[in-house]
Amino acid sequence: MRVLIVEGDTDAAKVLAGRLERHGYASDVVKTGNAALRQYYRADLVLMDLELPDLDGLEVCREIRSFSELPIIVVTARSSELDRVLGLQAGSDDYLVKPYGFRELMARIDAVMRRVRGGLPEPKTLLCGALKIDTRTRRVWVGDREVGLTRKEFDFLHLLASRPETVFSRRLIMSKVWECDDSTGSRTIDTHVSGLRNKLGGSSWIVTVRGVGFRLGNG
């Protein structure tokens, strides 16, 4: 199982990652909320600190939960009852206050995985008609044909496929894919849309909603 550790304290994150790995867990470490939003889909579970240098961890929890049912355990120094309530309301599956015992953390991970996934990790394949996206290996197929994509093309396509009925604005696409809060990046987006349509084999895979943005089509 792969755990994403979202922790503002780099030294503490490295220690935790080492202990998890000694217990058979693969782990990735990020220290910012934006990095967590770019990488969460590769993980089976997220350990989320709330004190991050760019975003509040509660905001990151809400954003992940809007896209995914991925299990999230908040691990934080915020200990008040209100903090716990807000953490659970933001979409976390459990809330653990620092300092904590490692055995308690392991027990909570086991309990959350049994409760939320029946002990099984979240599926790693997105299927949208003939389109198949393997989020772990970052490979894409249309039917039986594998499609080679650049990193940004994959991130763009994965964003649309993660919520196929949603129209994504240009500003949101720039924020999610290019980490840039700039709605004027039309040339960049349009270039990638054109490239994706060519590689996927048809313009109907990515639908332009005039004046709004883009959504995934059905090919």
N, C-alpha and C. Protein backbone atom coordinates (compact mmCIF):
# COMPACT_ATOMS: atom_id res chain seq x y z
N MET A 1 0.85 -1.19 0.00
CA MET A 1 0.00 0.00 0.00
C MET A 1 0.89 1.24 0.00
N ARG A 2 0.50 2.27 -0.74
CA ARG A 2 1.27 3.50 -0.84
C ARG A 2 0.58 4.61 -0.04
N VAL A 3 1.37 5.25 0.83
CA VAL A 3 0.88 6.32 1.69
C VAL A 3 1.50 7.64 1.24
N LEU A 4 0.67 8.67 1.09
CA LEU A 4 1.16 10.02 0.82
C LEU A 4 1.21 10.77 2.14
N ILE A 5 2.41 11.19 2.55
CA ILE A 5 2.60 11.94 3.78
C ILE A 5 2.67 13.43 3.42
N VAL A 6 1.70 14.18 3.90
CA VAL A 6 1.66 15.63 3.65
C VAL A 6 2.01 16.29 4.97
N GLU A 7 3.24 16.77 5.07
CA GLU A 7 3.78 17.21 6.36
C GLU A 7 4.69 18.41 6.16
N GLY A 8 4.39 19.50 6.87
CA GLY A 8 5.20 20.71 6.75
C GLY A 8 6.58 20.58 7.36
N ASP A 9 6.76 19.68 8.32
CA ASP A 9 8.05 19.47 8.96
C ASP A 9 8.78 18.36 8.21
N THR A 10 9.77 18.74 7.41
CA THR A 10 10.47 17.78 6.55
C THR A 10 11.15 16.67 7.35
N ASP A 11 11.80 17.02 8.46
CA ASP A 11 12.50 16.00 9.26
C ASP A 11 11.52 15.00 9.85
N ALA A 12 10.40 15.49 10.37
CA ALA A 12 9.39 14.58 10.94
C ALA A 12 8.81 13.68 9.85
N ALA A 13 8.62 14.23 8.66
CA ALA A 13 8.08 13.43 7.56
C ALA A 13 9.02 12.30 7.17
N LYS A 14 10.32 12.60 7.13
CA LYS A 14 11.30 11.57 6.78
C LYS A 14 11.32 10.45 7.80
N VAL A 15 11.24 10.81 9.08
CA VAL A 15 11.21 9.79 10.14
C VAL A 15 9.97 8.90 9.99
N LEU A 16 8.82 9.53 9.78
CA LEU A 16 7.58 8.78 9.62
C LEU A 16 7.64 7.88 8.40
N ALA A 17 8.15 8.41 7.29
CA ALA A 17 8.25 7.60 6.07
C ALA A 17 9.13 6.37 6.30
N GLY A 18 10.23 6.57 7.00
CA GLY A 18 11.12 5.44 7.28
C GLY A 18 10.44 4.38 8.12
N ARG A 19 9.69 4.78 9.13
CA ARG A 19 9.00 3.80 9.98
C ARG A 19 7.90 3.07 9.21
N LEU A 20 7.18 3.80 8.37
CA LEU A 20 6.15 3.15 7.56
C LEU A 20 6.78 2.14 6.60
N GLU A 21 7.88 2.52 5.99
CA GLU A 21 8.52 1.62 5.03
C GLU A 21 9.07 0.37 5.71
N ARG A 22 9.53 0.51 6.95
CA ARG A 22 10.00 -0.68 7.68
C ARG A 22 8.85 -1.62 8.02
N HIS A 23 7.63 -1.10 7.98
CA HIS A 23 6.44 -1.93 8.22
C HIS A 23 5.77 -2.35 6.90
N GLY A 24 6.47 -2.17 5.79
CA GLY A 24 5.99 -2.69 4.52
C GLY A 24 5.17 -1.74 3.67
N TYR A 25 5.10 -0.45 4.08
CA TYR A 25 4.33 0.53 3.31
C TYR A 25 5.27 1.34 2.42
N ALA A 26 4.89 1.51 1.17
CA ALA A 26 5.58 2.49 0.32
C ALA A 26 5.07 3.87 0.70
N SER A 27 5.91 4.89 0.54
CA SER A 27 5.46 6.23 0.93
C SER A 27 6.07 7.29 0.03
N ASP A 28 5.32 8.38 -0.12
CA ASP A 28 5.80 9.59 -0.77
C ASP A 28 5.61 10.73 0.21
N VAL A 29 6.51 11.71 0.18
CA VAL A 29 6.46 12.83 1.11
C VAL A 29 6.36 14.14 0.33
N VAL A 30 5.40 14.98 0.70
CA VAL A 30 5.31 16.34 0.18
C VAL A 30 5.09 17.28 1.36
N LYS A 31 5.52 18.54 1.21
CA LYS A 31 5.40 19.47 2.33
C LYS A 31 4.41 20.59 2.07
N THR A 32 3.78 20.62 0.89
CA THR A 32 2.83 21.69 0.58
C THR A 32 1.48 21.10 0.15
N GLY A 33 0.45 21.91 0.32
CA GLY A 33 -0.87 21.48 -0.11
C GLY A 33 -0.97 21.34 -1.61
N ASN A 34 -0.35 22.25 -2.35
CA ASN A 34 -0.41 22.15 -3.81
C ASN A 34 0.25 20.88 -4.31
N ALA A 35 1.36 20.48 -3.70
CA ALA A 35 2.01 19.23 -4.09
C ALA A 35 1.10 18.04 -3.78
N ALA A 36 0.40 18.10 -2.65
CA ALA A 36 -0.52 17.01 -2.30
C ALA A 36 -1.64 16.89 -3.33
N LEU A 37 -2.15 18.02 -3.82
CA LEU A 37 -3.23 17.98 -4.80
C LEU A 37 -2.76 17.45 -6.14
N ARG A 38 -1.46 17.55 -6.41
CA ARG A 38 -0.94 17.00 -7.66
C ARG A 38 -0.65 15.51 -7.56
N GLN A 39 -0.46 14.99 -6.35
CA GLN A 39 0.02 13.61 -6.21
C GLN A 39 -0.93 12.66 -5.51
N TYR A 40 -2.02 13.15 -4.94
CA TYR A 40 -2.85 12.28 -4.10
C TYR A 40 -3.38 11.05 -4.83
N TYR A 41 -3.63 11.17 -6.15
CA TYR A 41 -4.26 10.08 -6.88
C TYR A 41 -3.34 8.86 -7.04
N ARG A 42 -2.06 9.02 -6.73
CA ARG A 42 -1.13 7.90 -6.79
C ARG A 42 -1.13 7.08 -5.51
N ALA A 43 -1.79 7.58 -4.46
CA ALA A 43 -1.71 6.96 -3.13
C ALA A 43 -2.95 6.14 -2.82
N ASP A 44 -2.81 5.27 -1.82
CA ASP A 44 -3.94 4.50 -1.29
C ASP A 44 -4.51 5.14 -0.04
N LEU A 45 -3.70 5.99 0.61
CA LEU A 45 -4.13 6.68 1.82
C LEU A 45 -3.27 7.92 2.00
N VAL A 46 -3.87 8.98 2.57
CA VAL A 46 -3.15 10.24 2.82
C VAL A 46 -3.08 10.49 4.32
N LEU A 47 -1.88 10.81 4.81
CA LEU A 47 -1.69 11.32 6.16
C LEU A 47 -1.47 12.83 6.04
N MET A 48 -2.40 13.61 6.58
CA MET A 48 -2.47 15.04 6.27
C MET A 48 -2.20 15.91 7.50
N ASP A 49 -1.08 16.61 7.49
CA ASP A 49 -0.84 17.67 8.47
C ASP A 49 -1.70 18.87 8.09
N LEU A 50 -2.13 19.64 9.06
CA LEU A 50 -2.94 20.82 8.75
C LEU A 50 -2.11 22.08 8.63
N GLU A 51 -0.92 22.09 9.22
CA GLU A 51 -0.06 23.28 9.20
C GLU A 51 0.91 23.18 8.03
N LEU A 52 0.50 23.70 6.89
CA LEU A 52 1.30 23.64 5.67
C LEU A 52 1.71 25.05 5.26
N PRO A 53 2.81 25.20 4.54
CA PRO A 53 3.31 26.55 4.23
C PRO A 53 2.50 27.33 3.21
N ASP A 54 1.66 26.63 2.42
CA ASP A 54 0.93 27.35 1.37
C ASP A 54 -0.58 27.34 1.58
N LEU A 55 -1.15 26.19 1.87
CA LEU A 55 -2.59 26.05 2.05
C LEU A 55 -2.89 25.46 3.42
N ASP A 56 -4.06 25.77 3.95
CA ASP A 56 -4.50 25.09 5.16
C ASP A 56 -4.86 23.65 4.82
N GLY A 57 -4.45 22.72 5.68
CA GLY A 57 -4.71 21.31 5.41
C GLY A 57 -6.18 20.98 5.26
N LEU A 58 -7.05 21.73 5.94
CA LEU A 58 -8.49 21.50 5.80
C LEU A 58 -8.95 21.78 4.38
N GLU A 59 -8.39 22.83 3.78
CA GLU A 59 -8.72 23.15 2.39
C GLU A 59 -8.27 22.03 1.46
N VAL A 60 -7.10 21.48 1.73
CA VAL A 60 -6.59 20.38 0.90
C VAL A 60 -7.49 19.15 1.05
N CYS A 61 -7.91 18.85 2.28
CA CYS A 61 -8.83 17.73 2.50
C CYS A 61 -10.11 17.90 1.70
N ARG A 62 -10.69 19.09 1.77
CA ARG A 62 -11.94 19.33 1.05
C ARG A 62 -11.75 19.17 -0.46
N GLU A 63 -10.61 19.65 -0.96
CA GLU A 63 -10.36 19.57 -2.40
C GLU A 63 -10.20 18.12 -2.84
N ILE A 64 -9.42 17.34 -2.09
CA ILE A 64 -9.26 15.93 -2.43
C ILE A 64 -10.60 15.22 -2.38
N ARG A 65 -11.37 15.50 -1.33
CA ARG A 65 -12.65 14.81 -1.18
C ARG A 65 -13.63 15.16 -2.29
N SER A 66 -13.50 16.33 -2.88
CA SER A 66 -14.41 16.71 -3.97
C SER A 66 -14.15 15.89 -5.23
N PHE A 67 -12.94 15.29 -5.32
CA PHE A 67 -12.58 14.50 -6.48
C PHE A 67 -12.54 13.01 -6.20
N SER A 68 -12.36 12.61 -4.95
CA SER A 68 -12.00 11.22 -4.66
C SER A 68 -12.51 10.79 -3.29
N GLU A 69 -12.71 9.48 -3.14
CA GLU A 69 -13.04 8.88 -1.84
C GLU A 69 -11.81 8.32 -1.16
N LEU A 70 -10.64 8.77 -1.58
CA LEU A 70 -9.37 8.31 -1.02
C LEU A 70 -9.36 8.52 0.50
N PRO A 71 -8.99 7.49 1.28
CA PRO A 71 -8.94 7.64 2.74
C PRO A 71 -7.93 8.70 3.17
N ILE A 72 -8.34 9.53 4.13
CA ILE A 72 -7.49 10.60 4.64
C ILE A 72 -7.50 10.55 6.17
N ILE A 73 -6.31 10.54 6.76
CA ILE A 73 -6.19 10.66 8.21
C ILE A 73 -5.46 11.97 8.50
N VAL A 74 -6.11 12.86 9.23
CA VAL A 74 -5.45 14.10 9.66
C VAL A 74 -4.52 13.78 10.81
N VAL A 75 -3.27 14.25 10.72
CA VAL A 75 -2.28 14.07 11.79
C VAL A 75 -1.73 15.46 12.09
N THR A 76 -2.11 16.04 13.22
CA THR A 76 -1.87 17.46 13.45
C THR A 76 -1.71 17.78 14.93
N ALA A 77 -1.14 18.94 15.19
CA ALA A 77 -1.03 19.41 16.58
C ALA A 77 -2.30 20.13 17.04
N ARG A 78 -3.21 20.44 16.13
CA ARG A 78 -4.46 21.10 16.51
C ARG A 78 -5.33 20.11 17.28
N SER A 79 -5.63 20.44 18.53
CA SER A 79 -6.22 19.43 19.40
C SER A 79 -7.59 19.76 19.96
N SER A 80 -8.15 20.92 19.65
CA SER A 80 -9.44 21.27 20.24
C SER A 80 -10.58 20.46 19.62
N GLU A 81 -11.69 20.43 20.32
CA GLU A 81 -12.85 19.72 19.80
C GLU A 81 -13.32 20.33 18.48
N LEU A 82 -13.27 21.67 18.38
CA LEU A 82 -13.67 22.33 17.15
C LEU A 82 -12.76 21.91 15.99
N ASP A 83 -11.46 21.83 16.25
CA ASP A 83 -10.53 21.40 15.21
C ASP A 83 -10.88 19.99 14.72
N ARG A 84 -11.19 19.10 15.64
CA ARG A 84 -11.55 17.73 15.26
C ARG A 84 -12.81 17.71 14.42
N VAL A 85 -13.79 18.50 14.84
CA VAL A 85 -15.05 18.56 14.09
C VAL A 85 -14.80 19.09 12.69
N LEU A 86 -14.03 20.16 12.58
CA LEU A 86 -13.74 20.74 11.27
C LEU A 86 -12.97 19.77 10.39
N GLY A 87 -12.06 19.02 10.99
CA GLY A 87 -11.30 18.04 10.22
C GLY A 87 -12.19 16.96 9.64
N LEU A 88 -13.10 16.47 10.44
CA LEU A 88 -14.01 15.43 9.96
C LEU A 88 -15.00 16.00 8.94
N GLN A 89 -15.46 17.23 9.17
CA GLN A 89 -16.36 17.86 8.22
C GLN A 89 -15.67 18.14 6.88
N ALA A 90 -14.36 18.33 6.91
CA ALA A 90 -13.61 18.60 5.68
C ALA A 90 -13.41 17.35 4.85
N GLY A 91 -13.76 16.18 5.42
CA GLY A 91 -13.68 14.95 4.65
C GLY A 91 -12.69 13.93 5.13
N SER A 92 -11.99 14.21 6.24
CA SER A 92 -11.05 13.21 6.74
C SER A 92 -11.81 12.04 7.35
N ASP A 93 -11.17 10.87 7.31
CA ASP A 93 -11.78 9.66 7.85
C ASP A 93 -11.41 9.42 9.32
N ASP A 94 -10.34 10.07 9.77
CA ASP A 94 -9.92 9.96 11.16
C ASP A 94 -9.07 11.18 11.48
N TYR A 95 -8.83 11.40 12.79
CA TYR A 95 -8.13 12.61 13.24
C TYR A 95 -7.24 12.19 14.39
N LEU A 96 -5.93 12.39 14.23
CA LEU A 96 -4.96 11.97 15.24
C LEU A 96 -4.13 13.19 15.65
N VAL A 97 -4.03 13.42 16.97
CA VAL A 97 -3.35 14.61 17.48
C VAL A 97 -1.90 14.28 17.83
N LYS A 98 -0.98 15.16 17.39
CA LYS A 98 0.43 15.05 17.76
C LYS A 98 0.62 15.55 19.20
N PRO A 99 1.57 14.96 19.95
CA PRO A 99 2.35 13.76 19.61
C PRO A 99 1.51 12.50 19.78
N TYR A 100 1.81 11.50 19.03
CA TYR A 100 1.04 10.26 19.06
C TYR A 100 2.02 9.08 19.06
N GLY A 101 1.51 7.91 19.41
CA GLY A 101 2.31 6.70 19.35
C GLY A 101 2.21 6.07 17.97
N PHE A 102 3.32 5.56 17.49
CA PHE A 102 3.32 4.98 16.14
C PHE A 102 2.39 3.78 16.05
N ARG A 103 2.30 2.99 17.12
CA ARG A 103 1.40 1.83 17.08
C ARG A 103 -0.05 2.27 16.97
N GLU A 104 -0.38 3.40 17.60
CA GLU A 104 -1.75 3.91 17.45
C GLU A 104 -2.01 4.34 16.01
N LEU A 105 -1.03 5.01 15.39
CA LEU A 105 -1.18 5.40 13.99
C LEU A 105 -1.41 4.17 13.11
N MET A 106 -0.62 3.11 13.31
CA MET A 106 -0.78 1.92 12.50
C MET A 106 -2.17 1.30 12.70
N ALA A 107 -2.64 1.31 13.95
CA ALA A 107 -3.97 0.75 14.23
C ALA A 107 -5.05 1.58 13.54
N ARG A 108 -4.89 2.89 13.52
CA ARG A 108 -5.87 3.75 12.87
C ARG A 108 -5.85 3.58 11.34
N ILE A 109 -4.65 3.42 10.79
CA ILE A 109 -4.56 3.15 9.35
C ILE A 109 -5.29 1.86 9.02
N ASP A 110 -5.04 0.81 9.79
CA ASP A 110 -5.71 -0.47 9.54
C ASP A 110 -7.23 -0.33 9.66
N ALA A 111 -7.69 0.40 10.68
CA ALA A 111 -9.13 0.56 10.89
C ALA A 111 -9.78 1.35 9.76
N VAL A 112 -9.12 2.43 9.33
CA VAL A 112 -9.66 3.24 8.24
C VAL A 112 -9.73 2.44 6.94
N MET A 113 -8.68 1.67 6.65
CA MET A 113 -8.68 0.89 5.42
C MET A 113 -9.75 -0.19 5.46
N ARG A 114 -9.97 -0.80 6.61
CA ARG A 114 -11.05 -1.81 6.71
C ARG A 114 -12.41 -1.14 6.52
N ARG A 115 -12.59 0.01 7.14
CA ARG A 115 -13.90 0.67 7.12
C ARG A 115 -14.21 1.30 5.77
N VAL A 116 -13.22 1.99 5.21
CA VAL A 116 -13.48 2.78 4.00
C VAL A 116 -13.35 1.95 2.74
N ARG A 117 -12.41 1.01 2.73
CA ARG A 117 -12.17 0.25 1.51
C ARG A 117 -12.37 -1.25 1.69
N GLY A 118 -12.86 -1.67 2.83
CA GLY A 118 -12.96 -3.10 3.07
C GLY A 118 -11.59 -3.76 3.01
N GLY A 119 -10.55 -2.97 3.36
CA GLY A 119 -9.19 -3.47 3.33
C GLY A 119 -8.54 -3.40 1.97
N LEU A 120 -9.24 -2.90 0.95
CA LEU A 120 -8.68 -2.84 -0.40
C LEU A 120 -8.38 -1.41 -0.80
N PRO A 121 -7.31 -1.18 -1.54
CA PRO A 121 -7.00 0.17 -1.99
C PRO A 121 -7.97 0.67 -3.03
N GLU A 122 -7.99 1.97 -3.21
CA GLU A 122 -8.85 2.59 -4.21
C GLU A 122 -8.45 2.12 -5.61
N PRO A 123 -9.42 1.85 -6.47
CA PRO A 123 -9.08 1.45 -7.84
C PRO A 123 -8.18 2.49 -8.51
N LYS A 124 -7.24 1.99 -9.31
CA LYS A 124 -6.26 2.86 -9.92
C LYS A 124 -6.50 3.05 -11.41
N THR A 125 -7.63 2.58 -11.92
CA THR A 125 -7.92 2.71 -13.34
C THR A 125 -9.20 3.50 -13.53
N LEU A 126 -9.13 4.50 -14.40
CA LEU A 126 -10.31 5.26 -14.79
C LEU A 126 -10.76 4.77 -16.16
N LEU A 127 -12.03 4.43 -16.29
CA LEU A 127 -12.60 3.98 -17.55
C LEU A 127 -13.69 4.95 -17.98
N CYS A 128 -13.51 5.51 -19.15
CA CYS A 128 -14.49 6.45 -19.71
C CYS A 128 -14.74 6.03 -21.15
N GLY A 129 -15.71 5.15 -21.34
CA GLY A 129 -15.94 4.59 -22.67
C GLY A 129 -14.74 3.79 -23.11
N ALA A 130 -14.22 4.09 -24.29
CA ALA A 130 -13.05 3.38 -24.80
C ALA A 130 -11.75 3.88 -24.20
N LEU A 131 -11.82 4.94 -23.41
CA LEU A 131 -10.62 5.53 -22.81
C LEU A 131 -10.32 4.85 -21.48
N LYS A 132 -9.07 4.41 -21.31
CA LYS A 132 -8.62 3.78 -20.08
C LYS A 132 -7.38 4.51 -19.59
N ILE A 133 -7.40 4.94 -18.32
CA ILE A 133 -6.29 5.67 -17.73
C ILE A 133 -5.81 4.92 -16.49
N ASP A 134 -4.56 4.49 -16.51
CA ASP A 134 -3.94 3.85 -15.35
C ASP A 134 -3.20 4.95 -14.58
N THR A 135 -3.76 5.35 -13.43
CA THR A 135 -3.20 6.48 -12.71
C THR A 135 -1.90 6.16 -12.01
N ARG A 136 -1.66 4.87 -11.72
CA ARG A 136 -0.42 4.52 -11.04
C ARG A 136 0.76 4.56 -12.01
N THR A 137 0.60 3.98 -13.18
CA THR A 137 1.70 3.94 -14.16
C THR A 137 1.67 5.11 -15.13
N ARG A 138 0.58 5.91 -15.07
CA ARG A 138 0.41 7.08 -15.95
C ARG A 138 0.42 6.66 -17.42
N ARG A 139 -0.27 5.56 -17.71
CA ARG A 139 -0.42 5.08 -19.09
C ARG A 139 -1.87 5.23 -19.52
N VAL A 140 -2.07 5.45 -20.82
CA VAL A 140 -3.40 5.73 -21.37
C VAL A 140 -3.61 4.87 -22.61
N TRP A 141 -4.84 4.32 -22.73
CA TRP A 141 -5.22 3.57 -23.92
C TRP A 141 -6.55 4.09 -24.46
N VAL A 142 -6.69 4.06 -25.77
CA VAL A 142 -7.98 4.21 -26.42
C VAL A 142 -8.27 2.88 -27.09
N GLY A 143 -9.22 2.15 -26.55
CA GLY A 143 -9.42 0.78 -27.00
C GLY A 143 -8.18 -0.04 -26.67
N ASP A 144 -7.63 -0.71 -27.66
CA ASP A 144 -6.41 -1.50 -27.47
C ASP A 144 -5.15 -0.73 -27.81
N ARG A 145 -5.29 0.52 -28.20
CA ARG A 145 -4.13 1.32 -28.63
C ARG A 145 -3.63 2.18 -27.48
N GLU A 146 -2.35 1.97 -27.13
CA GLU A 146 -1.76 2.80 -26.09
C GLU A 146 -1.36 4.15 -26.68
N VAL A 147 -1.63 5.20 -25.91
CA VAL A 147 -1.37 6.57 -26.35
C VAL A 147 -0.26 7.16 -25.50
N GLY A 148 0.81 7.62 -26.13
CA GLY A 148 1.90 8.24 -25.41
C GLY A 148 1.65 9.71 -25.16
N LEU A 149 1.63 10.11 -23.89
CA LEU A 149 1.34 11.48 -23.53
C LEU A 149 2.51 12.10 -22.77
N THR A 150 2.66 13.40 -22.89
CA THR A 150 3.61 14.12 -22.06
C THR A 150 3.04 14.21 -20.64
N ARG A 151 3.89 14.66 -19.70
CA ARG A 151 3.44 14.75 -18.31
C ARG A 151 2.24 15.69 -18.18
N LYS A 152 2.30 16.85 -18.80
CA LYS A 152 1.21 17.81 -18.68
C LYS A 152 -0.03 17.33 -19.42
N GLU A 153 0.14 16.67 -20.55
CA GLU A 153 -1.02 16.11 -21.26
C GLU A 153 -1.72 15.09 -20.39
N PHE A 154 -0.93 14.24 -19.73
CA PHE A 154 -1.56 13.25 -18.85
C PHE A 154 -2.29 13.94 -17.70
N ASP A 155 -1.64 14.91 -17.06
CA ASP A 155 -2.28 15.60 -15.94
C ASP A 155 -3.57 16.29 -16.37
N PHE A 156 -3.57 16.88 -17.55
CA PHE A 156 -4.75 17.55 -18.09
C PHE A 156 -5.87 16.53 -18.32
N LEU A 157 -5.53 15.43 -18.99
CA LEU A 157 -6.54 14.40 -19.29
C LEU A 157 -7.06 13.77 -18.01
N HIS A 158 -6.17 13.48 -17.07
CA HIS A 158 -6.60 12.88 -15.81
C HIS A 158 -7.55 13.80 -15.06
N LEU A 159 -7.27 15.09 -15.07
CA LEU A 159 -8.17 16.04 -14.41
C LEU A 159 -9.57 15.96 -14.99
N LEU A 160 -9.68 15.98 -16.32
CA LEU A 160 -11.00 15.91 -16.96
C LEU A 160 -11.68 14.58 -16.67
N ALA A 161 -10.91 13.47 -16.72
CA ALA A 161 -11.49 12.13 -16.55
C ALA A 161 -11.88 11.85 -15.12
N SER A 162 -11.28 12.56 -14.16
CA SER A 162 -11.59 12.32 -12.76
C SER A 162 -13.03 12.74 -12.43
N ARG A 163 -13.57 13.68 -13.20
CA ARG A 163 -14.97 14.10 -13.04
C ARG A 163 -15.54 14.37 -14.43
N PRO A 164 -15.89 13.30 -15.13
CA PRO A 164 -16.21 13.42 -16.56
C PRO A 164 -17.43 14.26 -16.88
N GLU A 165 -18.29 14.52 -15.92
CA GLU A 165 -19.47 15.35 -16.19
C GLU A 165 -19.23 16.82 -15.86
N THR A 166 -18.05 17.13 -15.35
CA THR A 166 -17.76 18.49 -14.89
C THR A 166 -17.09 19.31 -15.98
N VAL A 167 -17.50 20.57 -16.11
CA VAL A 167 -16.82 21.50 -16.99
C VAL A 167 -15.78 22.26 -16.16
N PHE A 168 -14.51 22.15 -16.54
CA PHE A 168 -13.42 22.80 -15.82
C PHE A 168 -13.09 24.14 -16.49
N SER A 169 -13.05 25.18 -15.68
CA SER A 169 -12.70 26.49 -16.22
C SER A 169 -11.22 26.55 -16.57
N ARG A 170 -10.87 27.49 -17.41
CA ARG A 170 -9.46 27.67 -17.77
C ARG A 170 -8.62 28.00 -16.54
N ARG A 171 -9.16 28.83 -15.66
CA ARG A 171 -8.41 29.19 -14.46
C ARG A 171 -8.12 27.97 -13.60
N LEU A 172 -9.14 27.10 -13.42
CA LEU A 172 -8.93 25.91 -12.61
C LEU A 172 -7.93 24.96 -13.27
N ILE A 173 -8.02 24.83 -14.58
CA ILE A 173 -7.07 23.97 -15.30
C ILE A 173 -5.65 24.49 -15.12
N MET A 174 -5.46 25.80 -15.27
CA MET A 174 -4.12 26.37 -15.08
C MET A 174 -3.62 26.12 -13.65
N SER A 175 -4.50 26.24 -12.66
CA SER A 175 -4.11 26.03 -11.27
C SER A 175 -3.74 24.58 -11.01
N LYS A 176 -4.56 23.65 -11.51
CA LYS A 176 -4.36 22.24 -11.22
C LYS A 176 -3.19 21.65 -12.00
N VAL A 177 -3.08 21.98 -13.26
CA VAL A 177 -2.11 21.33 -14.14
C VAL A 177 -0.79 22.09 -14.19
N TRP A 178 -0.87 23.42 -14.24
CA TRP A 178 0.34 24.22 -14.39
C TRP A 178 0.72 24.97 -13.12
N GLU A 179 -0.07 24.77 -12.04
CA GLU A 179 0.23 25.40 -10.75
C GLU A 179 0.35 26.91 -10.89
N CYS A 180 -0.52 27.47 -11.70
CA CYS A 180 -0.46 28.90 -12.00
C CYS A 180 -1.87 29.47 -11.93
N ASP A 181 -2.07 30.42 -11.06
CA ASP A 181 -3.40 31.03 -10.91
C ASP A 181 -3.54 32.14 -11.94
N ASP A 182 -3.69 31.72 -13.21
CA ASP A 182 -3.69 32.69 -14.31
C ASP A 182 -4.67 32.21 -15.37
N SER A 183 -5.72 32.93 -15.58
CA SER A 183 -6.74 32.54 -16.56
C SER A 183 -6.36 32.95 -17.97
N THR A 184 -5.21 33.62 -18.12
CA THR A 184 -4.82 34.11 -19.44
C THR A 184 -3.97 33.12 -20.22
N GLY A 185 -3.73 31.93 -19.66
CA GLY A 185 -2.86 30.97 -20.34
C GLY A 185 -3.58 30.22 -21.44
N SER A 186 -4.33 30.94 -22.27
CA SER A 186 -5.15 30.31 -23.30
C SER A 186 -4.31 29.57 -24.32
N ARG A 187 -3.18 30.15 -24.70
CA ARG A 187 -2.36 29.52 -25.73
C ARG A 187 -1.83 28.17 -25.23
N THR A 188 -1.37 28.14 -23.99
CA THR A 188 -0.87 26.89 -23.41
C THR A 188 -1.96 25.82 -23.38
N ILE A 189 -3.15 26.19 -22.87
CA ILE A 189 -4.24 25.22 -22.79
C ILE A 189 -4.66 24.76 -24.17
N ASP A 190 -4.85 25.70 -25.08
CA ASP A 190 -5.32 25.33 -26.42
C ASP A 190 -4.32 24.43 -27.14
N THR A 191 -3.03 24.68 -26.93
CA THR A 191 -2.02 23.82 -27.54
C THR A 191 -2.12 22.40 -27.02
N HIS A 192 -2.32 22.25 -25.72
CA HIS A 192 -2.43 20.91 -25.15
C HIS A 192 -3.74 20.23 -25.54
N VAL A 193 -4.81 21.00 -25.64
CA VAL A 193 -6.08 20.42 -26.11
C VAL A 193 -5.92 19.88 -27.53
N SER A 194 -5.29 20.67 -28.38
CA SER A 194 -5.07 20.23 -29.76
C SER A 194 -4.21 18.96 -29.81
N GLY A 195 -3.14 18.95 -29.02
CA GLY A 195 -2.28 17.77 -29.00
C GLY A 195 -2.98 16.54 -28.48
N LEU A 196 -3.78 16.69 -27.44
CA LEU A 196 -4.51 15.55 -26.89
C LEU A 196 -5.54 15.03 -27.88
N ARG A 197 -6.26 15.91 -28.52
CA ARG A 197 -7.25 15.47 -29.50
C ARG A 197 -6.59 14.67 -30.62
N ASN A 198 -5.44 15.13 -31.09
CA ASN A 198 -4.73 14.40 -32.14
C ASN A 198 -4.29 13.02 -31.66
N LYS A 199 -3.74 12.96 -30.46
CA LYS A 199 -3.22 11.70 -29.95
C LYS A 199 -4.34 10.71 -29.61
N LEU A 200 -5.46 11.23 -29.11
CA LEU A 200 -6.58 10.35 -28.75
C LEU A 200 -7.37 9.91 -29.97
N GLY A 201 -7.19 10.61 -31.08
CA GLY A 201 -7.81 10.17 -32.32
C GLY A 201 -9.13 10.83 -32.64
N GLY A 202 -9.43 11.97 -32.03
CA GLY A 202 -10.69 12.64 -32.35
C GLY A 202 -10.92 13.86 -31.49
N SER A 203 -11.53 14.88 -32.06
CA SER A 203 -11.77 16.12 -31.32
C SER A 203 -12.85 15.97 -30.26
N SER A 204 -13.69 14.93 -30.36
CA SER A 204 -14.81 14.79 -29.44
C SER A 204 -14.39 14.27 -28.06
N TRP A 205 -13.13 13.87 -27.90
CA TRP A 205 -12.69 13.42 -26.59
C TRP A 205 -12.62 14.58 -25.60
N ILE A 206 -12.31 15.77 -26.10
CA ILE A 206 -12.27 16.95 -25.22
C ILE A 206 -13.22 17.99 -25.79
N VAL A 207 -14.25 18.28 -25.05
CA VAL A 207 -15.32 19.16 -25.51
C VAL A 207 -15.08 20.57 -25.00
N THR A 208 -15.12 21.53 -25.92
CA THR A 208 -15.02 22.94 -25.54
C THR A 208 -16.41 23.47 -25.19
N VAL A 209 -16.54 24.01 -24.01
CA VAL A 209 -17.79 24.67 -23.60
C VAL A 209 -17.52 26.17 -23.65
N ARG A 210 -18.03 26.80 -24.67
CA ARG A 210 -17.68 28.19 -24.95
C ARG A 210 -17.98 29.11 -23.76
N GLY A 211 -17.01 29.93 -23.45
CA GLY A 211 -17.16 30.88 -22.36
C GLY A 211 -16.97 30.29 -20.98
N VAL A 212 -16.75 28.97 -20.92
CA VAL A 212 -16.60 28.33 -19.61
C VAL A 212 -15.26 27.59 -19.52
N GLY A 213 -15.08 26.56 -20.35
CA GLY A 213 -13.85 25.77 -20.27
C GLY A 213 -13.96 24.48 -21.06
N PHE A 214 -13.58 23.37 -20.43
CA PHE A 214 -13.53 22.08 -21.12
C PHE A 214 -14.07 20.97 -20.23
N ARG A 215 -14.58 19.93 -20.89
CA ARG A 215 -14.96 18.71 -20.19
C ARG A 215 -14.58 17.51 -21.05
N LEU A 216 -14.58 16.34 -20.44
CA LEU A 216 -14.28 15.13 -21.17
C LEU A 216 -15.47 14.74 -22.04
N GLY A 217 -15.20 14.33 -23.27
CA GLY A 217 -16.23 13.84 -24.17
C GLY A 217 -16.25 12.32 -24.19
N ASN A 218 -16.95 11.76 -25.17
CA ASN A 218 -17.07 10.30 -25.24
C ASN A 218 -16.37 9.71 -26.44
N GLY A 219 -15.56 10.54 -27.12
CA GLY A 219 -14.79 10.02 -28.25
C GLY A 219 -15.62 9.81 -29.49
